Structures are given as C-alpha cells and as structure tokens.
Amino acid sequence: VQLVESGGGLVQPGGSLRLSCEASGFTFNHYAMSWYRQAPGEGRELVANITHIGGSKNYDDSVKGRFTISRDDDKHAAYLQMNMLKPDDTAVYYCNAKGRLPAVCGMDYWGKGTPVTVSL
C-alpha cells in the first residue's frame, strides 16, 4: 500500500497550489480520502475529506471557499486545489485513506506528506 503526495512548495500569499495523492495497493474506490495538515509545533488537523463514492465533501471552516477536494477513481488519485493561500496554511499536508466498505472497515493508510509554505 502506498499513498504518495506531491505538489507542495513555496508560494506567496494569495497564490495557489494543487496537491496530488497517488494511491496504489488497495481498492481505491472502497476508501474515503482525506487531506490533513500539521503546522510546526501543532497537532495534525483535518482539512477536507471526500466519500468513497465522491458524493459528499467536507471542509474545515478555515479553508471553506478556498480549497477544493476531488478524486479520480480511474487514476487512483485524490487532489486538493488550494486557492487564496494564507501564511496560516503553512504546514505539511498528508493524504489519508480510510476504508468505508465492510470488507475494509477500519483500514487506515497515510502518505508521508508534502510541505506547503506560504510566505513572501
């Protein structure tokens, strides 16, 4: 099982980044996908998630209207489009997969993270 994030980097306030999470080794469309982030000295927090059938999306209040989560089950990938970035968005962003069908309920996978820095 692998989750590999990419797309992080340094961006100025107000800029945009698109994070990608490529999954392998499990049945992708049986899993809800989430993005978490962890800022320096802080705990890991949920940013956004999308159900295994892609019909429902949820966002932390701090990113509503700026971030968009999506998934492409054919490509076994999840994405996080981040617009109007702020310095407070600086963190390491992690991709997470949680099993949602009965056969995979309780399965929980994490990527190694991709860093995002929002600064002048």
PDB file of N, CA and C in Angstrom:
ATOM      1  N   VAL A   1       0.845  -1.195   0.000  1.00  0.00           N
ATOM      2  CA  VAL A   1       0.000   0.000   0.000  1.00  0.00           C
ATOM      3  C   VAL A   1       0.876   1.240   0.000  1.00  0.00           C
ATOM      4  N   GLN A   2       0.529   2.173  -0.876  1.00  0.00           N
ATOM      5  CA  GLN A   2       1.270   3.435  -0.926  1.00  0.00           C
ATOM      6  C   GLN A   2       0.333   4.594  -1.205  1.00  0.00           C
ATOM      7  N   LEU A   3       0.591   5.692  -0.489  1.00  0.00           N
ATOM      8  CA  LEU A   3      -0.010   6.975  -0.798  1.00  0.00           C
ATOM      9  C   LEU A   3       1.145   7.949  -0.969  1.00  0.00           C
ATOM     10  N   VAL A   4       1.236   8.567  -2.131  1.00  0.00           N
ATOM     11  CA  VAL A   4       2.355   9.452  -2.421  1.00  0.00           C
ATOM     12  C   VAL A   4       1.822  10.828  -2.776  1.00  0.00           C
ATOM     13  N   GLU A   5       2.139  11.788  -1.905  1.00  0.00           N
ATOM     14  CA  GLU A   5       1.712  13.169  -2.139  1.00  0.00           C
ATOM     15  C   GLU A   5       2.742  13.914  -2.983  1.00  0.00           C
ATOM     16  N   SER A   6       2.255  14.882  -3.718  1.00  0.00           N
ATOM     17  CA  SER A   6       3.131  15.768  -4.485  1.00  0.00           C
ATOM     18  C   SER A   6       2.418  17.096  -4.688  1.00  0.00           C
ATOM     19  N   GLY A   7       3.177  18.087  -5.129  1.00  0.00           N
ATOM     20  CA  GLY A   7       2.585  19.377  -5.456  1.00  0.00           C
ATOM     21  C   GLY A   7       2.832  20.478  -4.441  1.00  0.00           C
ATOM     22  N   GLY A   8       3.436  20.135  -3.315  1.00  0.00           N
ATOM     23  CA  GLY A   8       3.722  21.161  -2.330  1.00  0.00           C
ATOM     24  C   GLY A   8       4.869  22.055  -2.771  1.00  0.00           C
ATOM     25  N   GLY A   9       5.086  23.120  -1.996  1.00  0.00           N
ATOM     26  CA  GLY A   9       6.175  24.027  -2.322  1.00  0.00           C
ATOM     27  C   GLY A   9       6.005  25.366  -1.651  1.00  0.00           C
ATOM     28  N   LEU A  10       6.763  26.328  -2.130  1.00  0.00           N
ATOM     29  CA  LEU A  10       6.730  27.690  -1.611  1.00  0.00           C
ATOM     30  C   LEU A  10       5.849  28.544  -2.517  1.00  0.00           C
ATOM     31  N   VAL A  11       4.914  29.272  -1.920  1.00  0.00           N
ATOM     32  CA  VAL A  11       4.016  30.125  -2.694  1.00  0.00           C
ATOM     33  C   VAL A  11       3.760  31.403  -1.907  1.00  0.00           C
ATOM     34  N   GLN A  12       3.533  32.473  -2.617  1.00  0.00           N
ATOM     35  CA  GLN A  12       3.251  33.746  -1.963  1.00  0.00           C
ATOM     36  C   GLN A  12       1.804  33.785  -1.488  1.00  0.00           C
ATOM     37  N   PRO A  13       1.525  34.579  -0.475  1.00  0.00           N
ATOM     38  CA  PRO A  13       0.128  34.757  -0.044  1.00  0.00           C
ATOM     39  C   PRO A  13      -0.760  35.163  -1.215  1.00  0.00           C
ATOM     40  N   GLY A  14      -1.929  34.553  -1.263  1.00  0.00           N
ATOM     41  CA  GLY A  14      -2.847  34.799  -2.369  1.00  0.00           C
ATOM     42  C   GLY A  14      -2.669  33.848  -3.539  1.00  0.00           C
ATOM     43  N   GLY A  15      -1.602  33.084  -3.512  1.00  0.00           N
ATOM     44  CA  GLY A  15      -1.324  32.160  -4.599  1.00  0.00           C
ATOM     45  C   GLY A  15      -2.089  30.857  -4.478  1.00  0.00           C
ATOM     46  N   SER A  16      -1.792  29.949  -5.408  1.00  0.00           N
ATOM     47  CA  SER A  16      -2.496  28.667  -5.477  1.00  0.00           C
ATOM     48  C   SER A  16      -1.505  27.519  -5.617  1.00  0.00           C
ATOM     49  N   LEU A  17      -1.924  26.377  -5.111  1.00  0.00           N
ATOM     50  CA  LEU A  17      -1.200  25.124  -5.318  1.00  0.00           C
ATOM     51  C   LEU A  17      -2.225  24.012  -5.488  1.00  0.00           C
ATOM     52  N   ARG A  18      -1.822  22.978  -6.213  1.00  0.00           N
ATOM     53  CA  ARG A  18      -2.672  21.795  -6.343  1.00  0.00           C
ATOM     54  C   ARG A  18      -1.881  20.588  -5.867  1.00  0.00           C
ATOM     55  N   LEU A  19      -2.358  19.996  -4.775  1.00  0.00           N
ATOM     56  CA  LEU A  19      -1.726  18.802  -4.238  1.00  0.00           C
ATOM     57  C   LEU A  19      -2.345  17.561  -4.872  1.00  0.00           C
ATOM     58  N   SER A  20      -1.517  16.568  -5.102  1.00  0.00           N
ATOM     59  CA  SER A  20      -1.979  15.290  -5.637  1.00  0.00           C
ATOM     60  C   SER A  20      -1.590  14.172  -4.688  1.00  0.00           C
ATOM     61  N   CYS A  21      -2.406  13.147  -4.661  1.00  0.00           N
ATOM     62  CA  CYS A  21      -2.133  11.947  -3.862  1.00  0.00           C
ATOM     63  C   CYS A  21      -2.371  10.749  -4.759  1.00  0.00           C
ATOM     64  N   GLU A  22      -1.311  10.048  -5.082  1.00  0.00           N
ATOM     65  CA  GLU A  22      -1.420   8.857  -5.934  1.00  0.00           C
ATOM     66  C   GLU A  22      -1.433   7.619  -5.037  1.00  0.00           C
ATOM     67  N   ALA A  23      -2.451   6.786  -5.230  1.00  0.00           N
ATOM     68  CA  ALA A  23      -2.646   5.612  -4.376  1.00  0.00           C
ATOM     69  C   ALA A  23      -2.375   4.325  -5.137  1.00  0.00           C
ATOM     70  N   SER A  24      -1.876   3.337  -4.424  1.00  0.00           N
ATOM     71  CA  SER A  24      -1.659   2.020  -5.021  1.00  0.00           C
ATOM     72  C   SER A  24      -1.708   0.959  -3.929  1.00  0.00           C
ATOM     73  N   GLY A  25      -2.049  -0.260  -4.333  1.00  0.00           N
ATOM     74  CA  GLY A  25      -2.012  -1.374  -3.403  1.00  0.00           C
ATOM     75  C   GLY A  25      -3.304  -1.663  -2.680  1.00  0.00           C
ATOM     76  N   PHE A  26      -4.362  -0.910  -2.995  1.00  0.00           N
ATOM     77  CA  PHE A  26      -5.654  -1.192  -2.382  1.00  0.00           C
ATOM     78  C   PHE A  26      -6.762  -0.768  -3.348  1.00  0.00           C
ATOM     79  N   THR A  27      -7.971  -1.184  -3.059  1.00  0.00           N
ATOM     80  CA  THR A  27      -9.102  -0.880  -3.932  1.00  0.00           C
ATOM     81  C   THR A  27      -9.564   0.540  -3.652  1.00  0.00           C
ATOM     82  N   PHE A  28      -9.123   1.450  -4.481  1.00  0.00           N
ATOM     83  CA  PHE A  28      -9.241   2.884  -4.202  1.00  0.00           C
ATOM     84  C   PHE A  28     -10.676   3.317  -3.940  1.00  0.00           C
ATOM     85  N   ASN A  29     -11.614   2.827  -4.753  1.00  0.00           N
ATOM     86  CA  ASN A  29     -12.987   3.336  -4.621  1.00  0.00           C
ATOM     87  C   ASN A  29     -13.743   2.727  -3.443  1.00  0.00           C
ATOM     88  N   HIS A  30     -13.066   1.950  -2.611  1.00  0.00           N
ATOM     89  CA  HIS A  30     -13.646   1.463  -1.365  1.00  0.00           C
ATOM     90  C   HIS A  30     -13.268   2.340  -0.176  1.00  0.00           C
ATOM     91  N   TYR A  31     -12.533   3.403  -0.448  1.00  0.00           N
ATOM     92  CA  TYR A  31     -11.959   4.228   0.606  1.00  0.00           C
ATOM     93  C   TYR A  31     -12.381   5.683   0.482  1.00  0.00           C
ATOM     94  N   ALA A  32     -12.724   6.300   1.607  1.00  0.00           N
ATOM     95  CA  ALA A  32     -12.854   7.749   1.663  1.00  0.00           C
ATOM     96  C   ALA A  32     -11.447   8.343   1.701  1.00  0.00           C
ATOM     97  N   MET A  33     -11.289   9.496   1.085  1.00  0.00           N
ATOM     98  CA  MET A  33      -9.984  10.139   1.021  1.00  0.00           C
ATOM     99  C   MET A  33     -10.038  11.474   1.766  1.00  0.00           C
ATOM    100  N   SER A  34      -8.966  11.756   2.466  1.00  0.00           N
ATOM    101  CA  SER A  34      -8.897  12.990   3.245  1.00  0.00           C
ATOM    102  C   SER A  34      -7.533  13.638   3.079  1.00  0.00           C
ATOM    103  N   TRP A  35      -7.527  14.927   3.318  1.00  0.00           N
ATOM    104  CA  TRP A  35      -6.280  15.681   3.448  1.00  0.00           C
ATOM    105  C   TRP A  35      -6.221  16.232   4.867  1.00  0.00           C
ATOM    106  N   TYR A  36      -5.094  16.018   5.503  1.00  0.00           N
ATOM    107  CA  TYR A  36      -4.800  16.579   6.816  1.00  0.00           C
ATOM    108  C   TYR A  36      -3.590  17.491   6.662  1.00  0.00           C
ATOM    109  N   ARG A  37      -3.387  18.309   7.676  1.00  0.00           N
ATOM    110  CA  ARG A  37      -2.168  19.111   7.695  1.00  0.00           C
ATOM    111  C   ARG A  37      -1.655  19.249   9.124  1.00  0.00           C
ATOM    112  N   GLN A  38      -0.364  19.478   9.215  1.00  0.00           N
ATOM    113  CA  GLN A  38       0.272  19.666  10.520  1.00  0.00           C
ATOM    114  C   GLN A  38       1.261  20.811  10.412  1.00  0.00           C
ATOM    115  N   ALA A  39       0.944  21.891  11.116  1.00  0.00           N
ATOM    116  CA  ALA A  39       1.823  23.047  11.141  1.00  0.00           C
ATOM    117  C   ALA A  39       2.921  22.821  12.180  1.00  0.00           C
ATOM    118  N   PRO A  40       4.031  23.532  12.066  1.00  0.00           N
ATOM    119  CA  PRO A  40       5.123  23.374  13.033  1.00  0.00           C
ATOM    120  C   PRO A  40       4.630  23.592  14.460  1.00  0.00           C
ATOM    121  N   GLY A  41       4.904  22.635  15.323  1.00  0.00           N
ATOM    122  CA  GLY A  41       4.527  22.755  16.722  1.00  0.00           C
ATOM    123  C   GLY A  41       3.062  22.504  17.021  1.00  0.00           C
ATOM    124  N   GLU A  42       2.316  22.099  16.009  1.00  0.00           N
ATOM    125  CA  GLU A  42       0.878  21.875  16.189  1.00  0.00           C
ATOM    126  C   GLU A  42       0.528  20.423  15.936  1.00  0.00           C
ATOM    127  N   GLY A  43      -0.715  20.065  16.296  1.00  0.00           N
ATOM    128  CA  GLY A  43      -1.198  18.728  16.011  1.00  0.00           C
ATOM    129  C   GLY A  43      -1.703  18.611  14.589  1.00  0.00           C
ATOM    130  N   ARG A  44      -1.965  17.389  14.172  1.00  0.00           N
ATOM    131  CA  ARG A  44      -2.471  17.156  12.824  1.00  0.00           C
ATOM    132  C   ARG A  44      -3.964  17.456  12.797  1.00  0.00           C
ATOM    133  N   GLU A  45      -4.415  18.202  11.793  1.00  0.00           N
ATOM    134  CA  GLU A  45      -5.823  18.560  11.706  1.00  0.00           C
ATOM    135  C   GLU A  45      -6.398  18.190  10.342  1.00  0.00           C
ATOM    136  N   LEU A  46      -7.681  17.861  10.354  1.00  0.00           N
ATOM    137  CA  LEU A  46      -8.376  17.513   9.121  1.00  0.00           C
ATOM    138  C   LEU A  46      -8.659  18.779   8.319  1.00  0.00           C
ATOM    139  N   VAL A  47      -8.295  18.760   7.050  1.00  0.00           N
ATOM    140  CA  VAL A  47      -8.540  19.878   6.148  1.00  0.00           C
ATOM    141  C   VAL A  47      -9.806  19.643   5.327  1.00  0.00           C
ATOM    142  N   ALA A  48      -9.895  18.463   4.716  1.00  0.00           N
ATOM    143  CA  ALA A  48     -11.037  18.163   3.854  1.00  0.00           C
ATOM    144  C   ALA A  48     -11.128  16.664   3.649  1.00  0.00           C
ATOM    145  N   ASN A  49     -12.355  16.179   3.406  1.00  0.00           N
ATOM    146  CA  ASN A  49     -12.496  14.778   3.037  1.00  0.00           C
ATOM    147  C   ASN A  49     -13.594  14.607   1.992  1.00  0.00           C
ATOM    148  N   ILE A  50     -13.528  13.468   1.321  1.00  0.00           N
ATOM    149  CA  ILE A  50     -14.476  13.141   0.256  1.00  0.00           C
ATOM    150  C   ILE A  50     -14.826  11.670   0.392  1.00  0.00           C
ATOM    151  N   THR A  51     -16.110  11.363   0.269  1.00  0.00           N
ATOM    152  CA  THR A  51     -16.557   9.989   0.476  1.00  0.00           C
ATOM    153  C   THR A  51     -16.032   9.060  -0.614  1.00  0.00           C
ATOM    154  N   HIS A  52     -16.169   7.752  -0.349  1.00  0.00           N
ATOM    155  CA  HIS A  52     -15.654   6.764  -1.285  1.00  0.00           C
ATOM    156  C   HIS A  52     -16.403   6.769  -2.605  1.00  0.00           C
ATOM    157  N   ILE A  53     -17.608   7.314  -2.612  1.00  0.00           N
ATOM    158  CA  ILE A  53     -18.333   7.426  -3.876  1.00  0.00           C
ATOM    159  C   ILE A  53     -18.295   8.859  -4.396  1.00  0.00           C
ATOM    160  N   GLY A  54     -17.569   9.723  -3.691  1.00  0.00           N
ATOM    161  CA  GLY A  54     -17.329  11.070  -4.186  1.00  0.00           C
ATOM    162  C   GLY A  54     -18.503  12.009  -4.110  1.00  0.00           C
ATOM    163  N   GLY A  55     -19.580  11.588  -3.455  1.00  0.00           N
ATOM    164  CA  GLY A  55     -20.767  12.418  -3.466  1.00  0.00           C
ATOM    165  C   GLY A  55     -20.807  13.473  -2.382  1.00  0.00           C
ATOM    166  N   SER A  56     -19.994  13.330  -1.363  1.00  0.00           N
ATOM    167  CA  SER A  56     -20.048  14.255  -0.244  1.00  0.00           C
ATOM    168  C   SER A  56     -18.643  14.733   0.093  1.00  0.00           C
ATOM    169  N   LYS A  57     -18.528  16.024   0.290  1.00  0.00           N
ATOM    170  CA  LYS A  57     -17.245  16.625   0.644  1.00  0.00           C
ATOM    171  C   LYS A  57     -17.434  17.468   1.898  1.00  0.00           C
ATOM    172  N   ASN A  58     -16.438  17.464   2.735  1.00  0.00           N
ATOM    173  CA  ASN A  58     -16.469  18.281   3.939  1.00  0.00           C
ATOM    174  C   ASN A  58     -15.153  19.035   4.080  1.00  0.00           C
ATOM    175  N   TYR A  59     -15.256  20.234   4.637  1.00  0.00           N
ATOM    176  CA  TYR A  59     -14.083  21.097   4.774  1.00  0.00           C
ATOM    177  C   TYR A  59     -14.018  21.689   6.176  1.00  0.00           C
ATOM    178  N   ASP A  60     -12.799  21.879   6.636  1.00  0.00           N
ATOM    179  CA  ASP A  60     -12.618  22.664   7.853  1.00  0.00           C
ATOM    180  C   ASP A  60     -13.039  24.101   7.559  1.00  0.00           C
ATOM    181  N   ASP A  61     -13.592  24.767   8.559  1.00  0.00           N
ATOM    182  CA  ASP A  61     -14.071  26.138   8.346  1.00  0.00           C
ATOM    183  C   ASP A  61     -12.972  27.061   7.833  1.00  0.00           C
ATOM    184  N   SER A  62     -11.743  26.792   8.229  1.00  0.00           N
ATOM    185  CA  SER A  62     -10.639  27.693   7.868  1.00  0.00           C
ATOM    186  C   SER A  62     -10.305  27.665   6.377  1.00  0.00           C
ATOM    187  N   VAL A  63     -10.779  26.636   5.655  1.00  0.00           N
ATOM    188  CA  VAL A  63     -10.437  26.527   4.226  1.00  0.00           C
ATOM    189  C   VAL A  63     -11.662  26.583   3.321  1.00  0.00           C
ATOM    190  N   LYS A  64     -12.853  26.649   3.911  1.00  0.00           N
ATOM    191  CA  LYS A  64     -14.067  26.693   3.094  1.00  0.00           C
ATOM    192  C   LYS A  64     -14.034  27.873   2.139  1.00  0.00           C
ATOM    193  N   GLY A  65     -14.392  27.609   0.891  1.00  0.00           N
ATOM    194  CA  GLY A  65     -14.405  28.648  -0.122  1.00  0.00           C
ATOM    195  C   GLY A  65     -13.058  28.885  -0.781  1.00  0.00           C
ATOM    196  N   ARG A  66     -12.002  28.275  -0.230  1.00  0.00           N
ATOM    197  CA  ARG A  66     -10.660  28.453  -0.809  1.00  0.00           C
ATOM    198  C   ARG A  66     -10.071  27.136  -1.328  1.00  0.00           C
ATOM    199  N   PHE A  67     -10.371  26.041  -0.658  1.00  0.00           N
ATOM    200  CA  PHE A  67      -9.830  24.739  -1.025  1.00  0.00           C
ATOM    201  C   PHE A  67     -10.934  23.864  -1.616  1.00  0.00           C
ATOM    202  N   THR A  68     -10.543  22.994  -2.543  1.00  0.00           N
ATOM    203  CA  THR A  68     -11.473  22.042  -3.138  1.00  0.00           C
ATOM    204  C   THR A  68     -10.830  20.669  -3.196  1.00  0.00           C
ATOM    205  N   ILE A  69     -11.514  19.686  -2.611  1.00  0.00           N
ATOM    206  CA  ILE A  69     -11.033  18.302  -2.666  1.00  0.00           C
ATOM    207  C   ILE A  69     -11.743  17.582  -3.806  1.00  0.00           C
ATOM    208  N   SER A  70     -11.022  16.698  -4.471  1.00  0.00           N
ATOM    209  CA  SER A  70     -11.618  15.899  -5.541  1.00  0.00           C
ATOM    210  C   SER A  70     -10.900  14.565  -5.618  1.00  0.00           C
ATOM    211  N   ARG A  71     -11.477  13.658  -6.393  1.00  0.00           N
ATOM    212  CA  ARG A  71     -10.841  12.358  -6.586  1.00  0.00           C
ATOM    213  C   ARG A  71     -11.111  11.880  -7.995  1.00  0.00           C
ATOM    214  N   ASP A  72     -10.216  11.062  -8.499  1.00  0.00           N
ATOM    215  CA  ASP A  72     -10.374  10.419  -9.803  1.00  0.00           C
ATOM    216  C   ASP A  72     -10.149   8.928  -9.586  1.00  0.00           C
ATOM    217  N   ASP A  73     -11.234   8.185  -9.511  1.00  0.00           N
ATOM    218  CA  ASP A  73     -11.119   6.762  -9.194  1.00  0.00           C
ATOM    219  C   ASP A  73     -10.422   5.980 -10.307  1.00  0.00           C
ATOM    220  N   ASP A  74     -10.525   6.461 -11.547  1.00  0.00           N
ATOM    221  CA  ASP A  74      -9.842   5.771 -12.651  1.00  0.00           C
ATOM    222  C   ASP A  74      -8.328   5.895 -12.519  1.00  0.00           C
ATOM    223  N   LYS A  75      -7.885   7.034 -11.989  1.00  0.00           N
ATOM    224  CA  LYS A  75      -6.447   7.268 -11.832  1.00  0.00           C
ATOM    225  C   LYS A  75      -5.951   6.904 -10.438  1.00  0.00           C
ATOM    226  N   HIS A  76      -6.861   6.473  -9.570  1.00  0.00           N
ATOM    227  CA  HIS A  76      -6.482   6.148  -8.178  1.00  0.00           C
ATOM    228  C   HIS A  76      -5.780   7.344  -7.536  1.00  0.00           C
ATOM    229  N   ALA A  77      -6.409   8.499  -7.637  1.00  0.00           N
ATOM    230  CA  ALA A  77      -5.777   9.714  -7.144  1.00  0.00           C
ATOM    231  C   ALA A  77      -6.782  10.621  -6.472  1.00  0.00           C
ATOM    232  N   ALA A  78      -6.293  11.389  -5.531  1.00  0.00           N
ATOM    233  CA  ALA A  78      -7.066  12.439  -4.877  1.00  0.00           C
ATOM    234  C   ALA A  78      -6.290  13.746  -5.002  1.00  0.00           C
ATOM    235  N   TYR A  79      -7.031  14.837  -4.952  1.00  0.00           N
ATOM    236  CA  TYR A  79      -6.416  16.137  -5.177  1.00  0.00           C
ATOM    237  C   TYR A  79      -6.920  17.149  -4.157  1.00  0.00           C
ATOM    238  N   LEU A  80      -6.124  18.168  -3.935  1.00  0.00           N
ATOM    239  CA  LEU A  80      -6.548  19.289  -3.117  1.00  0.00           C
ATOM    240  C   LEU A  80      -6.117  20.562  -3.830  1.00  0.00           C
ATOM    241  N   GLN A  81      -7.088  21.257  -4.396  1.00  0.00           N
ATOM    242  CA  GLN A  81      -6.821  22.548  -5.019  1.00  0.00           C
ATOM    243  C   GLN A  81      -6.896  23.615  -3.945  1.00  0.00           C
ATOM    244  N   MET A  82      -5.817  24.346  -3.783  1.00  0.00           N
ATOM    245  CA  MET A  82      -5.741  25.359  -2.726  1.00  0.00           C
ATOM    246  C   MET A  82      -5.569  26.727  -3.367  1.00  0.00           C
ATOM    247  N   ASN A  83      -6.538  27.580  -3.167  1.00  0.00           N
ATOM    248  CA  ASN A  83      -6.502  28.944  -3.704  1.00  0.00           C
ATOM    249  C   ASN A  83      -6.468  29.952  -2.576  1.00  0.00           C
ATOM    250  N   MET A  84      -6.111  31.168  -2.899  1.00  0.00           N
ATOM    251  CA  MET A  84      -6.075  32.268  -1.913  1.00  0.00           C
ATOM    252  C   MET A  84      -5.322  31.830  -0.658  1.00  0.00           C
ATOM    253  N   LEU A  85      -4.158  31.277  -0.848  1.00  0.00           N
ATOM    254  CA  LEU A  85      -3.391  30.745   0.268  1.00  0.00           C
ATOM    255  C   LEU A  85      -2.946  31.845   1.214  1.00  0.00           C
ATOM    256  N   LYS A  86      -2.916  31.489   2.487  1.00  0.00           N
ATOM    257  CA  LYS A  86      -2.531  32.409   3.547  1.00  0.00           C
ATOM    258  C   LYS A  86      -1.324  31.844   4.292  1.00  0.00           C
ATOM    259  N   PRO A  87      -0.567  32.690   4.975  1.00  0.00           N
ATOM    260  CA  PRO A  87       0.559  32.175   5.779  1.00  0.00           C
ATOM    261  C   PRO A  87       0.122  31.102   6.780  1.00  0.00           C
ATOM    262  N   ASP A  88      -1.101  31.205   7.299  1.00  0.00           N
ATOM    263  CA  ASP A  88      -1.594  30.205   8.257  1.00  0.00           C
ATOM    264  C   ASP A  88      -1.807  28.831   7.626  1.00  0.00           C
ATOM    265  N   ASP A  89      -1.785  28.762   6.301  1.00  0.00           N
ATOM    266  CA  ASP A  89      -1.917  27.470   5.625  1.00  0.00           C
ATOM    267  C   ASP A  89      -0.588  26.716   5.574  1.00  0.00           C
ATOM    268  N   THR A  90       0.477  27.350   6.029  1.00  0.00           N
ATOM    269  CA  THR A  90       1.789  26.705   6.033  1.00  0.00           C
ATOM    270  C   THR A  90       1.765  25.468   6.924  1.00  0.00           C
ATOM    271  N   ALA A  91       2.114  24.332   6.348  1.00  0.00           N
ATOM    272  CA  ALA A  91       2.055  23.058   7.073  1.00  0.00           C
ATOM    273  C   ALA A  91       2.568  21.952   6.158  1.00  0.00           C
ATOM    274  N   VAL A  92       2.753  20.788   6.742  1.00  0.00           N
ATOM    275  CA  VAL A  92       2.937  19.577   5.947  1.00  0.00           C
ATOM    276  C   VAL A  92       1.553  18.984   5.721  1.00  0.00           C
ATOM    277  N   TYR A  93       1.240  18.693   4.466  1.00  0.00           N
ATOM    278  CA  TYR A  93      -0.078  18.165   4.098  1.00  0.00           C
ATOM    279  C   TYR A  93       0.027  16.671   3.836  1.00  0.00           C
ATOM    280  N   TYR A  94      -0.890  15.927   4.470  1.00  0.00           N
ATOM    281  CA  TYR A  94      -0.875  14.471   4.401  1.00  0.00           C
ATOM    282  C   TYR A  94      -2.150  13.961   3.741  1.00  0.00           C
ATOM    283  N   CYS A  95      -1.990  12.955   2.937  1.00  0.00           N
ATOM    284  CA  CYS A  95      -3.104  12.245   2.327  1.00  0.00           C
ATOM    285  C   CYS A  95      -3.460  11.039   3.201  1.00  0.00           C
ATOM    286  N   ASN A  96      -4.750  10.796   3.342  1.00  0.00           N
ATOM    287  CA  ASN A  96      -5.224   9.683   4.171  1.00  0.00           C
ATOM    288  C   ASN A  96      -6.320   8.932   3.436  1.00  0.00           C
ATOM    289  N   ALA A  97      -6.309   7.610   3.587  1.00  0.00           N
ATOM    290  CA  ALA A  97      -7.364   6.765   3.022  1.00  0.00           C
ATOM    291  C   ALA A  97      -7.976   5.934   4.135  1.00  0.00           C
ATOM    292  N   LYS A  98      -9.282   5.974   4.268  1.00  0.00           N
ATOM    293  CA  LYS A  98      -9.993   5.193   5.293  1.00  0.00           C
ATOM    294  C   LYS A  98     -10.998   4.269   4.622  1.00  0.00           C
ATOM    295  N   GLY A  99     -10.933   2.975   4.971  1.00  0.00           N
ATOM    296  CA  GLY A  99     -11.841   2.012   4.382  1.00  0.00           C
ATOM    297  C   GLY A  99     -13.280   2.293   4.788  1.00  0.00           C
ATOM    298  N   ARG A 100     -14.195   2.209   3.826  1.00  0.00           N
ATOM    299  CA  ARG A 100     -15.589   2.513   4.104  1.00  0.00           C
ATOM    300  C   ARG A 100     -16.519   1.345   3.822  1.00  0.00           C
ATOM    301  N   LEU A 101     -16.117   0.425   2.966  1.00  0.00           N
ATOM    302  CA  LEU A 101     -16.952  -0.751   2.752  1.00  0.00           C
ATOM    303  C   LEU A 101     -16.682  -1.755   3.861  1.00  0.00           C
ATOM    304  N   PRO A 102     -17.652  -2.640   4.162  1.00  0.00           N
ATOM    305  CA  PRO A 102     -17.485  -3.562   5.289  1.00  0.00           C
ATOM    306  C   PRO A 102     -16.188  -4.370   5.245  1.00  0.00           C
ATOM    307  N   ALA A 103     -15.767  -4.777   4.070  1.00  0.00           N
ATOM    308  CA  ALA A 103     -14.572  -5.622   3.964  1.00  0.00           C
ATOM    309  C   ALA A 103     -13.295  -4.883   4.352  1.00  0.00           C
ATOM    310  N   VAL A 104     -13.320  -3.559   4.270  1.00  0.00           N
ATOM    311  CA  VAL A 104     -12.107  -2.783   4.568  1.00  0.00           C
ATOM    312  C   VAL A 104     -12.338  -1.785   5.693  1.00  0.00           C
ATOM    313  N   CYS A 105     -13.448  -1.950   6.397  1.00  0.00           N
ATOM    314  CA  CYS A 105     -13.729  -1.041   7.512  1.00  0.00           C
ATOM    315  C   CYS A 105     -12.611  -1.136   8.545  1.00  0.00           C
ATOM    316  N   GLY A 106     -12.097  -0.014   8.962  1.00  0.00           N
ATOM    317  CA  GLY A 106     -11.018   0.019   9.939  1.00  0.00           C
ATOM    318  C   GLY A 106      -9.643   0.170   9.328  1.00  0.00           C
ATOM    319  N   MET A 107      -9.523  -0.046   7.994  1.00  0.00           N
ATOM    320  CA  MET A 107      -8.234   0.151   7.350  1.00  0.00           C
ATOM    321  C   MET A 107      -7.967   1.647   7.217  1.00  0.00           C
ATOM    322  N   ASP A 108      -6.730   2.030   7.447  1.00  0.00           N
ATOM    323  CA  ASP A 108      -6.390   3.442   7.545  1.00  0.00           C
ATOM    324  C   ASP A 108      -4.952   3.615   7.051  1.00  0.00           C
ATOM    325  N   TYR A 109      -4.778   4.333   5.941  1.00  0.00           N
ATOM    326  CA  TYR A 109      -3.446   4.496   5.361  1.00  0.00           C
ATOM    327  C   TYR A 109      -3.067   5.968   5.285  1.00  0.00           C
ATOM    328  N   TRP A 110      -1.754   6.224   5.412  1.00  0.00           N
ATOM    329  CA  TRP A 110      -1.236   7.595   5.378  1.00  0.00           C
ATOM    330  C   TRP A 110      -0.086   7.711   4.399  1.00  0.00           C
ATOM    331  N   GLY A 111       0.015   8.874   3.761  1.00  0.00           N
ATOM    332  CA  GLY A 111       1.188   9.218   2.998  1.00  0.00           C
ATOM    333  C   GLY A 111       2.231   9.849   3.896  1.00  0.00           C
ATOM    334  N   LYS A 112       3.376  10.189   3.306  1.00  0.00           N
ATOM    335  CA  LYS A 112       4.476  10.761   4.093  1.00  0.00           C
ATOM    336  C   LYS A 112       4.422  12.272   4.142  1.00  0.00           C
ATOM    337  N   GLY A 113       3.530  12.873   3.371  1.00  0.00           N
ATOM    338  CA  GLY A 113       3.331  14.312   3.446  1.00  0.00           C
ATOM    339  C   GLY A 113       4.104  15.096   2.400  1.00  0.00           C
ATOM    340  N   THR A 114       3.566  16.269   2.105  1.00  0.00           N
ATOM    341  CA  THR A 114       4.242  17.214   1.222  1.00  0.00           C
ATOM    342  C   THR A 114       4.170  18.593   1.877  1.00  0.00           C
ATOM    343  N   PRO A 115       5.284  19.290   1.973  1.00  0.00           N
ATOM    344  CA  PRO A 115       5.283  20.571   2.683  1.00  0.00           C
ATOM    345  C   PRO A 115       4.761  21.714   1.820  1.00  0.00           C
ATOM    346  N   VAL A 116       3.997  22.573   2.453  1.00  0.00           N
ATOM    347  CA  VAL A 116       3.494  23.790   1.830  1.00  0.00           C
ATOM    348  C   VAL A 116       3.920  24.977   2.686  1.00  0.00           C
ATOM    349  N   THR A 117       4.572  25.934   2.068  1.00  0.00           N
ATOM    350  CA  THR A 117       4.999  27.153   2.760  1.00  0.00           C
ATOM    351  C   THR A 117       4.415  28.349   2.045  1.00  0.00           C
ATOM    352  N   VAL A 118       3.669  29.165   2.789  1.00  0.00           N
ATOM    353  CA  VAL A 118       3.064  30.368   2.219  1.00  0.00           C
ATOM    354  C   VAL A 118       3.773  31.564   2.838  1.00  0.00           C
ATOM    355  N   SER A 119       4.558  32.247   2.020  1.00  0.00           N
ATOM    356  CA  SER A 119       5.383  33.335   2.544  1.00  0.00           C
ATOM    357  C   SER A 119       5.806  34.253   1.411  1.00  0.00           C
ATOM    358  N   LEU A 120       6.106  35.498   1.785  1.00  0.00           N
ATOM    359  CA  LEU A 120       6.607  36.455   0.786  1.00  0.00           C
ATOM    360  C   LEU A 120       8.044  36.115   0.419  1.00  0.00           C
TER     361      LEU A 120
END
